[in-house]
Amino acid sequence: MAYVVEASDDPVPWRLQLWLQSVFALAERVTDLAVSTLAAKRRSLDRQLGAILTTTSGCDLTRELQAKAARARHQLLVFLAHPGKVGPTNNGSERLLRPAVVQRKMTNGYRAMWAAEGEADIRTVVDTARLSGASPFGTILSTVGA
């Protein structure tokens, strides 16, 4: 988006950038607001996004950005439906993937698919246990025992 704002004279990318800034500002105080307030803000943000996405543009970059935002539209405001439980970005998920990527790069990958799948399964169980506040070791034991 930053590139399109910089490269294009079209106001649509700038409007989309301002819209995202208002979404992130709302995300910072999402747990402090009432459910009815969040619902009203979600409707308002969705209407604003609809107006941005339906604005015609002569710029190819802008149209590509609009198409990308339209494809992800149903995912952009999920954090409002689950205040405090879902983040506005996927940064947490990206951080959880980082150890697996480092492991793969340090060992030059896996020679057997079962080893890669096994590690992915264990990491998933451990990370899910951490997120839910359970003991990772106890969760692994109950998973293996099942």
N, C-alpha and C. Protein backbone atom coordinates (compact mmCIF):
# COMPACT_ATOMS: atom_id res chain seq x y z
N MET A 1 0.82 -1.18 0.00
CA MET A 1 0.00 0.00 0.00
C MET A 1 0.87 1.25 0.00
N ALA A 2 1.94 1.24 0.79
CA ALA A 2 2.82 2.41 0.86
C ALA A 2 3.38 2.74 -0.51
N TYR A 3 3.72 1.71 -1.28
CA TYR A 3 4.25 1.94 -2.63
C TYR A 3 3.20 2.59 -3.51
N VAL A 4 1.97 2.10 -3.45
CA VAL A 4 0.91 2.65 -4.31
C VAL A 4 0.61 4.10 -3.91
N VAL A 5 0.61 4.39 -2.62
CA VAL A 5 0.40 5.77 -2.16
C VAL A 5 1.49 6.67 -2.73
N GLU A 6 2.71 6.15 -2.71
CA GLU A 6 3.86 6.94 -3.18
C GLU A 6 3.90 7.07 -4.70
N ALA A 7 3.56 5.99 -5.41
CA ALA A 7 3.73 5.96 -6.86
C ALA A 7 2.54 6.52 -7.62
N SER A 8 1.39 6.59 -6.98
CA SER A 8 0.18 6.99 -7.69
C SER A 8 -0.28 8.38 -7.24
N ASP A 9 -0.90 9.10 -8.16
CA ASP A 9 -1.51 10.38 -7.83
C ASP A 9 -2.98 10.20 -7.45
N ASP A 10 -3.46 8.98 -7.53
CA ASP A 10 -4.84 8.66 -7.22
C ASP A 10 -5.10 8.81 -5.72
N PRO A 11 -6.22 9.38 -5.30
CA PRO A 11 -6.51 9.53 -3.87
C PRO A 11 -6.99 8.25 -3.18
N VAL A 12 -7.36 7.21 -3.94
CA VAL A 12 -7.91 5.99 -3.34
C VAL A 12 -6.92 5.29 -2.41
N PRO A 13 -5.67 5.07 -2.80
CA PRO A 13 -4.73 4.43 -1.88
C PRO A 13 -4.53 5.22 -0.59
N TRP A 14 -4.52 6.53 -0.72
CA TRP A 14 -4.39 7.40 0.45
C TRP A 14 -5.59 7.23 1.37
N ARG A 15 -6.79 7.16 0.79
CA ARG A 15 -8.01 6.95 1.58
C ARG A 15 -7.97 5.59 2.28
N LEU A 16 -7.49 4.58 1.57
CA LEU A 16 -7.39 3.24 2.16
C LEU A 16 -6.38 3.23 3.30
N GLN A 17 -5.29 3.95 3.13
CA GLN A 17 -4.29 4.05 4.19
C GLN A 17 -4.88 4.74 5.43
N LEU A 18 -5.62 5.82 5.24
CA LEU A 18 -6.29 6.50 6.36
C LEU A 18 -7.31 5.58 7.03
N TRP A 19 -8.01 4.80 6.22
CA TRP A 19 -8.98 3.85 6.76
C TRP A 19 -8.28 2.83 7.66
N LEU A 20 -7.17 2.29 7.20
CA LEU A 20 -6.42 1.32 8.00
C LEU A 20 -5.90 1.95 9.29
N GLN A 21 -5.47 3.19 9.23
CA GLN A 21 -5.01 3.87 10.45
C GLN A 21 -6.15 3.97 11.46
N SER A 22 -7.36 4.24 11.00
CA SER A 22 -8.49 4.31 11.92
C SER A 22 -8.84 2.93 12.46
N VAL A 23 -8.65 1.89 11.66
CA VAL A 23 -8.88 0.51 12.14
C VAL A 23 -7.88 0.16 13.24
N PHE A 24 -6.61 0.48 13.04
CA PHE A 24 -5.59 0.17 14.06
C PHE A 24 -5.78 1.02 15.31
N ALA A 25 -6.25 2.24 15.15
CA ALA A 25 -6.54 3.08 16.33
C ALA A 25 -7.69 2.46 17.13
N LEU A 26 -8.68 1.94 16.46
CA LEU A 26 -9.79 1.27 17.13
C LEU A 26 -9.30 -0.03 17.80
N ALA A 27 -8.40 -0.73 17.15
CA ALA A 27 -7.88 -1.99 17.70
C ALA A 27 -7.18 -1.78 19.04
N GLU A 28 -6.57 -0.63 19.23
CA GLU A 28 -5.88 -0.35 20.49
C GLU A 28 -6.83 -0.24 21.67
N ARG A 29 -8.08 0.10 21.42
CA ARG A 29 -9.03 0.27 22.53
C ARG A 29 -10.24 -0.64 22.40
N VAL A 30 -10.10 -1.71 21.64
CA VAL A 30 -11.22 -2.61 21.36
C VAL A 30 -11.78 -3.26 22.63
N THR A 31 -10.95 -3.54 23.60
CA THR A 31 -11.43 -4.20 24.82
C THR A 31 -12.10 -3.21 25.79
N ASP A 32 -11.96 -1.92 25.53
CA ASP A 32 -12.54 -0.91 26.41
C ASP A 32 -13.94 -0.48 25.98
N LEU A 33 -14.38 -0.93 24.81
CA LEU A 33 -15.65 -0.46 24.26
C LEU A 33 -16.75 -1.50 24.43
N ALA A 34 -17.97 -1.02 24.49
CA ALA A 34 -19.14 -1.90 24.61
C ALA A 34 -19.37 -2.64 23.30
N VAL A 35 -20.04 -3.77 23.39
CA VAL A 35 -20.32 -4.59 22.21
C VAL A 35 -21.14 -3.81 21.19
N SER A 36 -22.10 -3.04 21.65
CA SER A 36 -22.94 -2.25 20.73
C SER A 36 -22.11 -1.17 20.03
N THR A 37 -21.17 -0.58 20.74
CA THR A 37 -20.29 0.43 20.14
C THR A 37 -19.40 -0.21 19.07
N LEU A 38 -18.87 -1.40 19.38
CA LEU A 38 -18.03 -2.11 18.41
C LEU A 38 -18.84 -2.47 17.16
N ALA A 39 -20.07 -2.89 17.35
CA ALA A 39 -20.92 -3.24 16.20
C ALA A 39 -21.18 -2.02 15.33
N ALA A 40 -21.45 -0.88 15.97
CA ALA A 40 -21.70 0.36 15.21
C ALA A 40 -20.44 0.80 14.47
N LYS A 41 -19.30 0.70 15.14
CA LYS A 41 -18.04 1.09 14.49
C LYS A 41 -17.70 0.14 13.35
N ARG A 42 -18.00 -1.15 13.51
CA ARG A 42 -17.75 -2.11 12.45
C ARG A 42 -18.60 -1.78 11.22
N ARG A 43 -19.88 -1.48 11.44
CA ARG A 43 -20.75 -1.11 10.31
C ARG A 43 -20.23 0.13 9.61
N SER A 44 -19.81 1.11 10.39
CA SER A 44 -19.30 2.35 9.82
C SER A 44 -18.02 2.10 9.01
N LEU A 45 -17.11 1.33 9.59
CA LEU A 45 -15.86 1.03 8.87
C LEU A 45 -16.13 0.22 7.61
N ASP A 46 -17.10 -0.69 7.67
CA ASP A 46 -17.43 -1.50 6.50
C ASP A 46 -18.03 -0.63 5.39
N ARG A 47 -18.89 0.32 5.78
CA ARG A 47 -19.45 1.25 4.78
C ARG A 47 -18.35 2.09 4.14
N GLN A 48 -17.43 2.59 4.97
CA GLN A 48 -16.32 3.40 4.45
C GLN A 48 -15.46 2.59 3.48
N LEU A 49 -15.18 1.34 3.87
CA LEU A 49 -14.37 0.49 3.00
C LEU A 49 -15.10 0.22 1.69
N GLY A 50 -16.39 -0.02 1.77
CA GLY A 50 -17.18 -0.24 0.55
C GLY A 50 -17.09 0.94 -0.39
N ALA A 51 -17.15 2.15 0.15
CA ALA A 51 -17.04 3.35 -0.68
C ALA A 51 -15.65 3.45 -1.32
N ILE A 52 -14.64 3.10 -0.56
CA ILE A 52 -13.26 3.15 -1.09
C ILE A 52 -13.08 2.13 -2.20
N LEU A 53 -13.63 0.93 -1.99
CA LEU A 53 -13.42 -0.14 -2.96
C LEU A 53 -14.23 0.05 -4.24
N THR A 54 -15.33 0.79 -4.18
CA THR A 54 -16.14 1.00 -5.38
C THR A 54 -15.79 2.28 -6.13
N THR A 55 -14.85 3.04 -5.61
CA THR A 55 -14.40 4.25 -6.30
C THR A 55 -13.64 3.85 -7.56
N THR A 56 -14.02 4.44 -8.69
CA THR A 56 -13.33 4.12 -9.94
C THR A 56 -11.98 4.82 -9.99
N SER A 57 -11.04 4.14 -10.63
CA SER A 57 -9.69 4.69 -10.73
C SER A 57 -9.11 4.39 -12.09
N GLY A 58 -8.30 5.28 -12.56
CA GLY A 58 -7.60 5.08 -13.83
C GLY A 58 -6.22 4.49 -13.64
N CYS A 59 -5.82 4.28 -12.41
CA CYS A 59 -4.48 3.79 -12.10
C CYS A 59 -4.51 2.27 -11.91
N ASP A 60 -3.65 1.57 -12.64
CA ASP A 60 -3.59 0.11 -12.53
C ASP A 60 -3.19 -0.34 -11.13
N LEU A 61 -2.23 0.34 -10.52
CA LEU A 61 -1.79 -0.03 -9.17
C LEU A 61 -2.93 0.11 -8.17
N THR A 62 -3.69 1.17 -8.31
CA THR A 62 -4.82 1.40 -7.41
C THR A 62 -5.87 0.31 -7.58
N ARG A 63 -6.18 -0.04 -8.82
CA ARG A 63 -7.17 -1.09 -9.07
C ARG A 63 -6.71 -2.43 -8.50
N GLU A 64 -5.41 -2.73 -8.62
CA GLU A 64 -4.88 -3.97 -8.03
C GLU A 64 -5.01 -3.94 -6.51
N LEU A 65 -4.71 -2.80 -5.90
CA LEU A 65 -4.83 -2.66 -4.45
C LEU A 65 -6.29 -2.81 -4.02
N GLN A 66 -7.20 -2.20 -4.77
CA GLN A 66 -8.63 -2.33 -4.46
C GLN A 66 -9.07 -3.80 -4.56
N ALA A 67 -8.60 -4.49 -5.58
CA ALA A 67 -8.97 -5.90 -5.75
C ALA A 67 -8.43 -6.75 -4.60
N LYS A 68 -7.20 -6.48 -4.19
CA LYS A 68 -6.61 -7.23 -3.09
C LYS A 68 -7.38 -6.98 -1.79
N ALA A 69 -7.73 -5.73 -1.53
CA ALA A 69 -8.50 -5.39 -0.33
C ALA A 69 -9.89 -6.01 -0.39
N ALA A 70 -10.48 -6.03 -1.58
CA ALA A 70 -11.82 -6.61 -1.72
C ALA A 70 -11.79 -8.12 -1.44
N ARG A 71 -10.74 -8.79 -1.89
CA ARG A 71 -10.62 -10.23 -1.62
C ARG A 71 -10.46 -10.53 -0.13
N ALA A 72 -9.81 -9.62 0.60
CA ALA A 72 -9.55 -9.83 2.03
C ALA A 72 -10.59 -9.14 2.91
N ARG A 73 -11.57 -8.53 2.32
CA ARG A 73 -12.52 -7.69 3.06
C ARG A 73 -13.17 -8.42 4.23
N HIS A 74 -13.55 -9.68 4.03
CA HIS A 74 -14.22 -10.43 5.09
C HIS A 74 -13.29 -10.75 6.27
N GLN A 75 -11.98 -10.56 6.09
CA GLN A 75 -11.02 -10.85 7.14
C GLN A 75 -10.52 -9.60 7.87
N LEU A 76 -10.76 -8.45 7.33
CA LEU A 76 -10.15 -7.22 7.84
C LEU A 76 -10.67 -6.77 9.20
N LEU A 77 -11.90 -7.07 9.52
CA LEU A 77 -12.49 -6.58 10.75
C LEU A 77 -12.89 -7.71 11.71
N VAL A 78 -12.30 -8.87 11.55
CA VAL A 78 -12.62 -10.03 12.40
C VAL A 78 -12.33 -9.73 13.87
N PHE A 79 -11.29 -8.97 14.13
CA PHE A 79 -10.92 -8.67 15.52
C PHE A 79 -12.03 -7.95 16.28
N LEU A 80 -12.94 -7.28 15.57
CA LEU A 80 -14.05 -6.59 16.24
C LEU A 80 -15.11 -7.57 16.73
N ALA A 81 -15.22 -8.71 16.08
CA ALA A 81 -16.20 -9.72 16.49
C ALA A 81 -15.70 -10.51 17.70
N HIS A 82 -14.40 -10.50 17.92
CA HIS A 82 -13.79 -11.24 19.03
C HIS A 82 -12.81 -10.33 19.77
N PRO A 83 -13.33 -9.31 20.48
CA PRO A 83 -12.45 -8.33 21.12
C PRO A 83 -11.49 -8.95 22.13
N GLY A 84 -10.22 -8.66 21.95
CA GLY A 84 -9.19 -9.15 22.86
C GLY A 84 -8.72 -10.56 22.59
N LYS A 85 -9.44 -11.30 21.75
CA LYS A 85 -9.07 -12.69 21.46
C LYS A 85 -8.37 -12.83 20.11
N VAL A 86 -8.70 -11.95 19.19
CA VAL A 86 -8.12 -11.97 17.85
C VAL A 86 -7.46 -10.62 17.61
N GLY A 87 -6.21 -10.66 17.17
CA GLY A 87 -5.51 -9.41 16.89
C GLY A 87 -5.89 -8.84 15.54
N PRO A 88 -5.63 -7.57 15.33
CA PRO A 88 -5.96 -6.95 14.04
C PRO A 88 -4.98 -7.35 12.93
N THR A 89 -3.84 -7.93 13.30
CA THR A 89 -2.85 -8.37 12.31
C THR A 89 -2.51 -9.83 12.56
N ASN A 90 -1.73 -10.40 11.68
CA ASN A 90 -1.29 -11.78 11.87
C ASN A 90 0.14 -11.84 12.42
N ASN A 91 0.60 -10.76 13.03
CA ASN A 91 1.97 -10.72 13.55
C ASN A 91 2.23 -11.83 14.57
N GLY A 92 1.26 -12.12 15.41
CA GLY A 92 1.42 -13.19 16.40
C GLY A 92 1.66 -14.53 15.73
N SER A 93 0.90 -14.81 14.71
CA SER A 93 1.07 -16.07 13.97
C SER A 93 2.44 -16.11 13.29
N GLU A 94 2.85 -14.99 12.73
CA GLU A 94 4.16 -14.93 12.09
C GLU A 94 5.27 -15.20 13.10
N ARG A 95 5.14 -14.64 14.30
CA ARG A 95 6.14 -14.88 15.34
C ARG A 95 6.18 -16.34 15.76
N LEU A 96 5.02 -17.00 15.79
CA LEU A 96 4.97 -18.41 16.14
C LEU A 96 5.64 -19.28 15.08
N LEU A 97 5.63 -18.84 13.84
CA LEU A 97 6.25 -19.60 12.76
C LEU A 97 7.78 -19.44 12.72
N ARG A 98 8.27 -18.35 13.27
CA ARG A 98 9.69 -18.04 13.17
C ARG A 98 10.61 -19.17 13.66
N PRO A 99 10.36 -19.81 14.84
CA PRO A 99 11.26 -20.89 15.27
C PRO A 99 11.33 -22.05 14.28
N ALA A 100 10.21 -22.37 13.65
CA ALA A 100 10.21 -23.46 12.67
C ALA A 100 11.05 -23.09 11.45
N VAL A 101 10.98 -21.85 11.04
CA VAL A 101 11.77 -21.40 9.88
C VAL A 101 13.25 -21.42 10.23
N VAL A 102 13.61 -20.95 11.41
CA VAL A 102 15.02 -20.97 11.84
C VAL A 102 15.51 -22.41 11.90
N GLN A 103 14.70 -23.31 12.47
CA GLN A 103 15.07 -24.73 12.55
C GLN A 103 15.31 -25.30 11.16
N ARG A 104 14.43 -25.01 10.23
CA ARG A 104 14.58 -25.53 8.86
C ARG A 104 15.86 -25.01 8.21
N LYS A 105 16.15 -23.72 8.41
CA LYS A 105 17.34 -23.14 7.78
C LYS A 105 18.63 -23.64 8.43
N MET A 106 18.61 -23.83 9.75
CA MET A 106 19.81 -24.29 10.45
C MET A 106 20.15 -25.74 10.12
N THR A 107 19.13 -26.56 9.94
CA THR A 107 19.37 -27.99 9.68
C THR A 107 19.37 -28.31 8.19
N ASN A 108 19.19 -27.31 7.37
CA ASN A 108 19.12 -27.49 5.92
C ASN A 108 17.91 -28.34 5.53
N GLY A 109 16.86 -28.21 6.29
CA GLY A 109 15.62 -28.92 5.98
C GLY A 109 15.57 -30.31 6.57
N TYR A 110 14.52 -31.02 6.26
CA TYR A 110 14.32 -32.39 6.73
C TYR A 110 14.51 -33.35 5.57
N ARG A 111 15.07 -34.50 5.86
CA ARG A 111 15.25 -35.51 4.82
C ARG A 111 13.99 -36.36 4.67
N ALA A 112 13.16 -36.39 5.71
CA ALA A 112 11.93 -37.17 5.67
C ALA A 112 10.74 -36.27 5.96
N MET A 113 9.70 -36.47 5.19
CA MET A 113 8.50 -35.65 5.37
C MET A 113 7.87 -35.90 6.74
N TRP A 114 7.94 -37.13 7.25
CA TRP A 114 7.33 -37.42 8.55
C TRP A 114 7.97 -36.59 9.66
N ALA A 115 9.27 -36.29 9.54
CA ALA A 115 9.94 -35.50 10.57
C ALA A 115 9.44 -34.05 10.54
N ALA A 116 9.29 -33.50 9.36
CA ALA A 116 8.79 -32.13 9.23
C ALA A 116 7.35 -32.04 9.73
N GLU A 117 6.53 -33.02 9.35
CA GLU A 117 5.13 -33.02 9.79
C GLU A 117 5.03 -33.22 11.30
N GLY A 118 5.89 -34.08 11.86
CA GLY A 118 5.89 -34.32 13.30
C GLY A 118 6.25 -33.06 14.07
N GLU A 119 7.28 -32.36 13.62
CA GLU A 119 7.65 -31.12 14.31
C GLU A 119 6.54 -30.08 14.20
N ALA A 120 5.94 -29.98 13.02
CA ALA A 120 4.84 -29.02 12.84
C ALA A 120 3.68 -29.35 13.77
N ASP A 121 3.37 -30.63 13.91
CA ASP A 121 2.27 -31.03 14.79
C ASP A 121 2.58 -30.68 16.25
N ILE A 122 3.80 -30.96 16.69
CA ILE A 122 4.18 -30.67 18.07
C ILE A 122 4.18 -29.17 18.32
N ARG A 123 4.73 -28.40 17.38
CA ARG A 123 4.73 -26.95 17.55
C ARG A 123 3.31 -26.40 17.62
N THR A 124 2.41 -26.95 16.82
CA THR A 124 1.02 -26.51 16.83
C THR A 124 0.38 -26.79 18.19
N VAL A 125 0.60 -27.99 18.71
CA VAL A 125 0.02 -28.35 20.01
C VAL A 125 0.59 -27.46 21.11
N VAL A 126 1.89 -27.26 21.12
CA VAL A 126 2.53 -26.44 22.16
C VAL A 126 2.06 -24.99 22.07
N ASP A 127 2.03 -24.43 20.87
CA ASP A 127 1.61 -23.03 20.72
C ASP A 127 0.14 -22.84 21.10
N THR A 128 -0.70 -23.81 20.73
CA THR A 128 -2.12 -23.73 21.08
C THR A 128 -2.29 -23.82 22.60
N ALA A 129 -1.51 -24.70 23.23
CA ALA A 129 -1.57 -24.83 24.70
C ALA A 129 -1.16 -23.52 25.36
N ARG A 130 -0.09 -22.91 24.86
CA ARG A 130 0.35 -21.63 25.44
C ARG A 130 -0.71 -20.56 25.31
N LEU A 131 -1.35 -20.50 24.14
CA LEU A 131 -2.38 -19.49 23.91
C LEU A 131 -3.59 -19.68 24.83
N SER A 132 -3.89 -20.92 25.13
CA SER A 132 -5.06 -21.19 25.98
C SER A 132 -4.71 -21.22 27.46
N GLY A 133 -3.42 -21.07 27.79
CA GLY A 133 -3.00 -21.03 29.19
C GLY A 133 -2.75 -22.40 29.80
N ALA A 134 -2.80 -23.45 28.98
CA ALA A 134 -2.58 -24.81 29.48
C ALA A 134 -1.09 -25.12 29.48
N SER A 135 -0.74 -26.19 30.16
CA SER A 135 0.65 -26.65 30.19
C SER A 135 0.99 -27.33 28.87
N PRO A 136 2.03 -26.86 28.16
CA PRO A 136 2.40 -27.50 26.90
C PRO A 136 2.73 -28.99 27.08
N PHE A 137 3.46 -29.32 28.14
CA PHE A 137 3.83 -30.72 28.36
C PHE A 137 2.60 -31.58 28.62
N GLY A 138 1.70 -31.10 29.47
CA GLY A 138 0.47 -31.84 29.75
C GLY A 138 -0.38 -31.99 28.49
N THR A 139 -0.41 -30.97 27.66
CA THR A 139 -1.18 -31.04 26.43
C THR A 139 -0.58 -32.07 25.47
N ILE A 140 0.74 -32.11 25.38
CA ILE A 140 1.39 -33.11 24.52
C ILE A 140 1.06 -34.51 25.03
N LEU A 141 1.16 -34.71 26.35
CA LEU A 141 0.85 -36.03 26.92
C LEU A 141 -0.59 -36.45 26.63
N SER A 142 -1.52 -35.53 26.81
CA SER A 142 -2.92 -35.89 26.55
C SER A 142 -3.17 -36.08 25.06
N THR A 143 -2.45 -35.36 24.21
CA THR A 143 -2.60 -35.53 22.76
C THR A 143 -2.05 -36.86 22.31
N VAL A 144 -0.86 -37.23 22.80
CA VAL A 144 -0.25 -38.52 22.44
C VAL A 144 -1.08 -39.66 22.99
N GLY A 145 -1.65 -39.47 24.16
CA GLY A 145 -2.45 -40.52 24.78
C GLY A 145 -3.80 -40.72 24.11
N ALA A 146 -4.25 -39.74 23.34
CA ALA A 146 -5.59 -39.84 22.71
C ALA A 146 -5.64 -40.71 21.51
